[in-house]
Amino acid sequence: MPDTPGPVETQQSAAAKWLRFGRRTMTYFFVICFLFMLGLFLIQRWLIFPAARTIDRVPSDRPYKFPYEDVMLPVDGNFTNAWFMEVPNARGAVLFSHGNGGNISGWFEVADVFRDLGFSVLVYDYGGYGRSTGRPSEGRFYQDIRAAWKYLTEQKKIPPEKIVPVGRSIGGGPTVQLATEVTPGAIILESTFLSLPQVAQEHLYMFPVKFLVRDRFENAKKVGRIHVPIMIVHSADDTLIPIRHARRLFELANQPKTFLQISGDHNDGYITSTAEYARGLHDFLSPLFSN
């Protein structure tokens, strides 16, 4: 008679099969995770900077009909497109850095608020956005805002203390960086984050993506080096960048500082809360700037 496996041998064989199955499963899992993170690493700038090339409208279009100067600012062999919407007898100038979506043609509603407050507005596009040449990156964002600052101070002869850099969402990164290098009259950060790796980690918490982010925008590490009045604007309804980012930035910022809480999600808070938004800006800026 042929030998038949006993109960102990059967149990050992089954255990070995499950062990091999477990090893294969873990191998597949780690390979899939590796490929996923590799893919994220390779396409991260495409995800972070969804640059829109098409200019849908210009400031002189209805209903705003803003007079403006269309300028191309030289940036290390490339050009940064900017629109300067001047106000007669302006109290100062806003240097506006927009979010990562769209381009300068989508920000006339914000420009209108600041113009009503008596400020000229310069809005510019990052490299790769709109008519700006080159490619977007953290380093290029910093070059873009420096070129815009140089245009205001050197070509338009606006004193630094009359300029208010305003950064929305990812635009808070270049705004914070600029304010560590120059001394404007004040700065405003709207819907801005502590750092880009932290935002990425919060949305993809199952994977260690914070170590893969190349463009970091470490605002939390820099905001304490700013020594001008600062206003931080954020909505408690923001589902992309939670308001805790703004509250922590506020804690880290130096006095004098102001916190304005609005309502609405990340991309429409300033529209949903237009009245509160405009009133908060007025209350912050009026004591600092006069004609």
Protein backbone atom coordinates (compact mmCIF):
# COMPACT_ATOMS: atom_id res chain seq x y z
CA MET A 1 0.00 0.00 0.00
CA PRO A 2 1.23 3.49 -0.79
CA ASP A 3 2.02 5.73 2.11
CA THR A 4 -0.62 8.36 2.94
CA PRO A 5 0.20 11.60 4.75
CA GLY A 6 -0.76 11.70 8.36
CA PRO A 7 -2.69 14.51 10.06
CA VAL A 8 0.51 16.32 11.10
CA GLU A 9 1.96 16.22 7.57
CA THR A 10 -1.36 17.47 6.13
CA GLN A 11 -1.41 20.39 8.54
CA GLN A 12 2.21 21.28 7.72
CA SER A 13 1.48 21.14 3.98
CA ALA A 14 -1.55 23.43 4.37
CA ALA A 15 0.47 25.85 6.50
CA ALA A 16 3.22 25.93 3.86
CA LYS A 17 0.67 26.68 1.16
CA TRP A 18 -0.80 29.57 3.17
CA LEU A 19 2.70 30.87 3.87
CA ARG A 20 3.53 30.86 0.17
CA PHE A 21 0.20 32.54 -0.59
CA GLY A 22 0.87 35.21 2.04
CA ARG A 23 4.34 35.88 0.66
CA ARG A 24 3.04 36.20 -2.88
CA THR A 25 0.24 38.51 -1.75
CA MET A 26 2.65 40.75 0.14
CA THR A 27 5.02 40.79 -2.83
CA TYR A 28 2.19 41.81 -5.17
CA PHE A 29 1.06 44.45 -2.67
CA PHE A 30 4.50 46.03 -2.37
CA VAL A 31 5.05 45.91 -6.13
CA ILE A 32 1.69 47.62 -6.72
CA CYS A 33 2.49 50.26 -4.06
CA PHE A 34 5.92 50.84 -5.58
CA LEU A 35 4.49 51.24 -9.07
CA PHE A 36 1.75 53.54 -7.78
CA MET A 37 4.22 55.80 -5.98
CA LEU A 38 6.61 55.72 -8.92
CA GLY A 39 3.76 56.81 -11.18
CA LEU A 40 2.85 59.62 -8.79
CA PHE A 41 6.46 60.75 -8.66
CA LEU A 42 6.75 60.84 -12.44
CA ILE A 43 3.48 62.71 -13.09
CA GLN A 44 3.35 64.85 -9.94
CA ARG A 45 4.01 68.15 -11.71
CA TRP A 46 1.24 67.40 -14.16
CA LEU A 47 -1.08 66.86 -11.17
CA ILE A 48 0.16 69.82 -9.10
CA PHE A 49 0.35 72.31 -11.98
CA PRO A 50 -2.65 71.74 -14.31
CA ALA A 51 -1.68 74.79 -16.33
CA ALA A 52 -4.33 76.26 -18.61
CA ARG A 53 -2.96 77.82 -21.78
CA THR A 54 -6.12 79.38 -23.21
CA ILE A 55 -6.82 83.00 -22.29
CA ASP A 56 -10.63 83.19 -22.12
CA ARG A 57 -10.97 86.92 -21.52
CA VAL A 58 -8.95 90.08 -20.93
CA PRO A 59 -9.52 92.84 -18.36
CA SER A 60 -11.04 95.23 -20.90
CA ASP A 61 -13.86 92.78 -21.72
CA ARG A 62 -17.35 93.23 -20.35
CA PRO A 63 -18.54 93.57 -17.67
CA TYR A 64 -15.39 94.92 -15.98
CA LYS A 65 -13.76 96.96 -18.76
CA PHE A 66 -10.57 97.48 -16.74
CA PRO A 67 -7.86 99.48 -18.48
CA TYR A 68 -4.67 97.43 -18.33
CA GLU A 69 -1.11 96.99 -19.48
CA ASP A 70 -0.16 93.62 -20.96
CA VAL A 71 3.52 92.97 -20.20
CA MET A 72 5.98 90.14 -20.74
CA LEU A 73 8.57 90.02 -17.96
CA PRO A 74 11.95 88.36 -18.67
CA VAL A 75 12.67 85.37 -16.40
CA ASP A 76 15.92 83.47 -16.97
CA GLY A 77 15.52 83.03 -20.71
CA ASN A 78 11.74 82.77 -20.54
CA PHE A 79 8.89 85.25 -20.16
CA THR A 80 6.20 85.75 -17.54
CA ASN A 81 2.98 87.32 -18.73
CA ALA A 82 1.37 89.87 -16.42
CA TRP A 83 -1.55 92.30 -16.55
CA PHE A 84 -1.35 95.55 -14.62
CA MET A 85 -4.77 97.06 -13.90
CA GLU A 86 -4.03 100.54 -12.64
CA VAL A 87 -6.34 102.67 -10.50
CA PRO A 88 -6.00 106.48 -10.62
CA ASN A 89 -4.66 107.90 -7.35
CA ALA A 90 -4.22 104.38 -6.01
CA ARG A 91 -3.56 103.73 -2.33
CA GLY A 92 -1.12 101.02 -3.35
CA ALA A 93 -0.77 97.97 -5.57
CA VAL A 94 -1.76 94.35 -5.04
CA LEU A 95 0.62 91.71 -6.40
CA PHE A 96 -1.73 88.75 -6.87
CA SER A 97 -0.49 85.14 -7.13
CA HIS A 98 -3.32 82.85 -8.21
CA GLY A 99 -3.95 79.17 -7.47
CA ASN A 100 -2.69 76.19 -9.42
CA GLY A 101 -5.66 75.93 -11.77
CA GLY A 102 -6.61 78.17 -14.67
CA ASN A 103 -4.59 81.29 -15.46
CA ILE A 104 -4.75 85.07 -15.10
CA SER A 105 -7.95 85.33 -17.13
CA GLY A 106 -9.96 83.86 -14.24
CA TRP A 107 -9.30 86.41 -11.52
CA PHE A 108 -11.15 89.59 -12.43
CA GLU A 109 -13.66 89.15 -9.61
CA VAL A 110 -10.85 89.32 -7.07
CA ALA A 111 -9.22 92.21 -8.92
CA ASP A 112 -12.53 94.05 -8.79
CA VAL A 113 -12.64 93.77 -4.98
CA PHE A 114 -9.16 95.23 -4.58
CA ARG A 115 -9.76 97.95 -7.17
CA ASP A 116 -12.90 98.99 -5.28
CA LEU A 117 -10.68 99.36 -2.22
CA GLY A 118 -8.43 101.73 -4.14
CA PHE A 119 -5.60 99.39 -5.16
CA SER A 120 -4.09 98.82 -8.56
CA VAL A 121 -3.70 95.11 -9.30
CA LEU A 122 -0.93 93.15 -10.97
CA VAL A 123 -1.81 89.54 -11.72
CA TYR A 124 0.71 87.29 -13.44
CA ASP A 125 0.92 83.77 -14.82
CA TYR A 126 3.47 81.20 -13.72
CA GLY A 127 5.75 79.57 -16.24
CA GLY A 128 3.74 77.28 -18.51
CA TYR A 129 0.44 79.02 -17.70
CA GLY A 130 -1.39 81.17 -20.23
CA ARG A 131 1.13 83.01 -22.40
CA SER A 132 4.05 82.57 -19.99
CA THR A 133 6.80 80.45 -21.49
CA GLY A 134 8.70 77.63 -19.83
CA ARG A 135 7.46 75.07 -17.34
CA PRO A 136 5.97 75.41 -13.86
CA SER A 137 7.91 74.42 -10.75
CA GLU A 138 8.47 75.75 -7.26
CA GLY A 139 11.66 77.47 -8.35
CA ARG A 140 9.97 79.00 -11.39
CA PHE A 141 7.11 80.32 -9.20
CA TYR A 142 9.67 82.19 -7.11
CA GLN A 143 11.32 83.62 -10.23
CA ASP A 144 7.93 84.74 -11.54
CA ILE A 145 6.95 86.67 -8.44
CA ARG A 146 10.39 88.29 -8.20
CA ALA A 147 10.00 89.50 -11.79
CA ALA A 148 6.55 90.89 -10.95
CA TRP A 149 7.92 92.64 -7.86
CA LYS A 150 10.75 94.11 -9.92
CA TYR A 151 8.25 95.40 -12.48
CA LEU A 152 6.19 97.18 -9.82
CA THR A 153 9.12 98.68 -7.95
CA GLU A 154 11.47 99.52 -10.83
CA GLN A 155 9.26 100.14 -13.85
CA LYS A 156 6.11 101.44 -12.18
CA LYS A 157 8.13 103.14 -9.40
CA ILE A 158 5.78 101.95 -6.66
CA PRO A 159 7.43 102.06 -3.22
CA PRO A 160 7.76 98.62 -1.57
CA GLU A 161 5.72 99.77 1.43
CA LYS A 162 2.80 100.46 -0.94
CA ILE A 163 2.71 96.92 -2.34
CA VAL A 164 0.57 94.09 -0.93
CA PRO A 165 1.50 90.59 -2.16
CA VAL A 166 -1.62 88.41 -2.06
CA GLY A 167 -1.30 84.64 -2.48
CA ARG A 168 -4.21 82.31 -3.02
CA SER A 169 -3.86 78.55 -2.41
CA ILE A 170 -0.54 77.49 -3.99
CA GLY A 171 0.06 81.18 -4.69
CA GLY A 172 0.74 81.53 -1.00
CA GLY A 173 4.05 79.75 -1.62
CA PRO A 174 5.67 82.43 -3.78
CA THR A 175 4.01 85.14 -1.67
CA VAL A 176 5.58 83.83 1.53
CA GLN A 177 8.94 83.36 -0.16
CA LEU A 178 8.92 86.91 -1.54
CA ALA A 179 8.03 88.37 1.86
CA THR A 180 11.13 86.71 3.35
CA GLU A 181 13.28 88.54 0.77
CA VAL A 182 11.70 92.01 0.57
CA THR A 183 9.65 94.28 2.83
CA PRO A 184 6.20 95.00 1.40
CA GLY A 185 3.50 97.02 3.13
CA ALA A 186 1.60 93.88 4.15
CA ILE A 187 0.79 90.41 2.84
CA ILE A 188 -2.40 88.39 2.55
CA LEU A 189 -2.57 84.58 2.41
CA GLU A 190 -5.87 83.07 1.29
CA SER A 191 -6.72 79.35 1.41
CA THR A 192 -3.03 78.54 1.77
CA PHE A 193 -1.36 75.43 3.20
CA LEU A 194 1.44 74.70 5.66
CA SER A 195 3.37 72.77 3.01
CA LEU A 196 2.53 70.89 -0.16
CA PRO A 197 3.87 67.54 1.15
CA GLN A 198 1.51 67.82 4.13
CA VAL A 199 -1.49 68.38 1.87
CA ALA A 200 -0.48 65.42 -0.30
CA GLN A 201 -0.04 63.20 2.76
CA GLU A 202 -3.45 64.13 4.14
CA HIS A 203 -5.18 63.17 0.91
CA LEU A 204 -3.15 59.99 0.27
CA TYR A 205 -2.60 58.95 3.87
CA MET A 206 -2.10 55.26 3.03
CA PHE A 207 1.15 55.96 1.19
CA PRO A 208 4.30 57.87 2.27
CA VAL A 209 3.85 60.40 -0.53
CA LYS A 210 5.20 63.36 1.45
CA PHE A 211 8.72 62.06 0.80
CA LEU A 212 8.14 62.07 -2.97
CA VAL A 213 6.95 65.66 -3.42
CA ARG A 214 9.56 67.68 -5.31
CA ASP A 215 7.90 71.11 -5.13
CA ARG A 216 7.44 71.62 -1.42
CA PHE A 217 6.41 75.23 -0.71
CA GLU A 218 7.35 75.02 2.97
CA ASN A 219 5.26 77.96 4.16
CA ALA A 220 5.20 76.88 7.81
CA LYS A 221 9.00 77.02 7.98
CA LYS A 222 9.14 80.51 6.44
CA VAL A 223 6.18 82.50 7.74
CA GLY A 224 7.95 83.29 11.02
CA ARG A 225 10.62 85.17 9.06
CA ILE A 226 8.07 87.70 7.81
CA HIS A 227 7.95 90.97 9.74
CA VAL A 228 5.15 92.93 8.10
CA PRO A 229 1.39 92.93 8.85
CA ILE A 230 -0.14 89.68 7.69
CA MET A 231 -3.73 88.63 7.08
CA ILE A 232 -4.75 84.99 6.74
CA VAL A 233 -8.07 84.20 5.06
CA HIS A 234 -9.62 80.74 5.08
CA SER A 235 -12.95 78.95 5.04
CA ALA A 236 -14.03 76.30 7.52
CA ASP A 237 -15.82 74.63 4.58
CA ASP A 238 -12.61 74.14 2.57
CA THR A 239 -12.43 70.43 1.67
CA LEU A 240 -9.12 70.63 -0.19
CA ILE A 241 -6.99 72.50 2.36
CA PRO A 242 -8.52 72.21 5.84
CA ILE A 243 -8.71 75.36 7.93
CA ARG A 244 -6.26 73.88 10.45
CA HIS A 245 -3.50 74.78 7.99
CA ALA A 246 -4.50 78.44 8.20
CA ARG A 247 -4.84 78.38 11.97
CA ARG A 248 -1.37 76.92 12.36
CA LEU A 249 0.11 79.46 9.94
CA PHE A 250 -1.57 82.16 12.01
CA GLU A 251 0.02 80.78 15.19
CA LEU A 252 3.45 80.80 13.54
CA ALA A 253 3.11 84.30 12.08
CA ASN A 254 4.46 87.39 13.82
CA GLN A 255 2.34 90.29 15.02
CA PRO A 256 0.57 92.30 13.76
CA LYS A 257 -1.65 89.62 12.27
CA THR A 258 -5.33 89.20 11.40
CA PHE A 259 -7.42 86.10 10.77
CA LEU A 260 -10.51 86.28 8.55
CA GLN A 261 -12.80 83.24 8.42
CA ILE A 262 -15.11 83.05 5.44
CA SER A 263 -17.51 80.37 4.15
CA GLY A 264 -17.61 78.31 0.97
CA ASP A 265 -15.37 75.61 -0.45
CA HIS A 266 -11.79 76.02 -1.62
CA ASN A 267 -12.51 77.44 -5.06
CA ASP A 268 -15.49 79.67 -4.29
CA GLY A 269 -15.08 81.01 -0.77
CA TYR A 270 -14.28 84.53 -1.91
CA ILE A 271 -17.44 84.45 -4.08
CA THR A 272 -19.73 82.82 -1.52
CA SER A 273 -18.55 85.30 1.12
CA THR A 274 -18.12 88.37 -1.08
CA ALA A 275 -19.46 90.87 1.47
CA GLU A 276 -17.50 89.44 4.43
CA TYR A 277 -14.43 89.04 2.25
CA ALA A 278 -14.46 92.64 1.03
CA ARG A 279 -15.24 94.03 4.49
CA GLY A 280 -12.42 92.02 6.06
CA LEU A 281 -9.93 93.24 3.46
CA HIS A 282 -11.09 96.82 3.99
CA ASP A 283 -10.69 96.57 7.77
CA PHE A 284 -7.19 95.12 7.42
CA LEU A 285 -5.87 97.42 4.69
CA SER A 286 -7.45 100.77 5.52
CA PRO A 287 -5.37 101.53 8.64
CA LEU A 288 -2.18 100.59 6.74
CA PHE A 289 -2.63 102.48 3.48
CA SER A 290 -3.82 105.97 2.69
CA ASN A 291 -3.93 107.92 -0.56
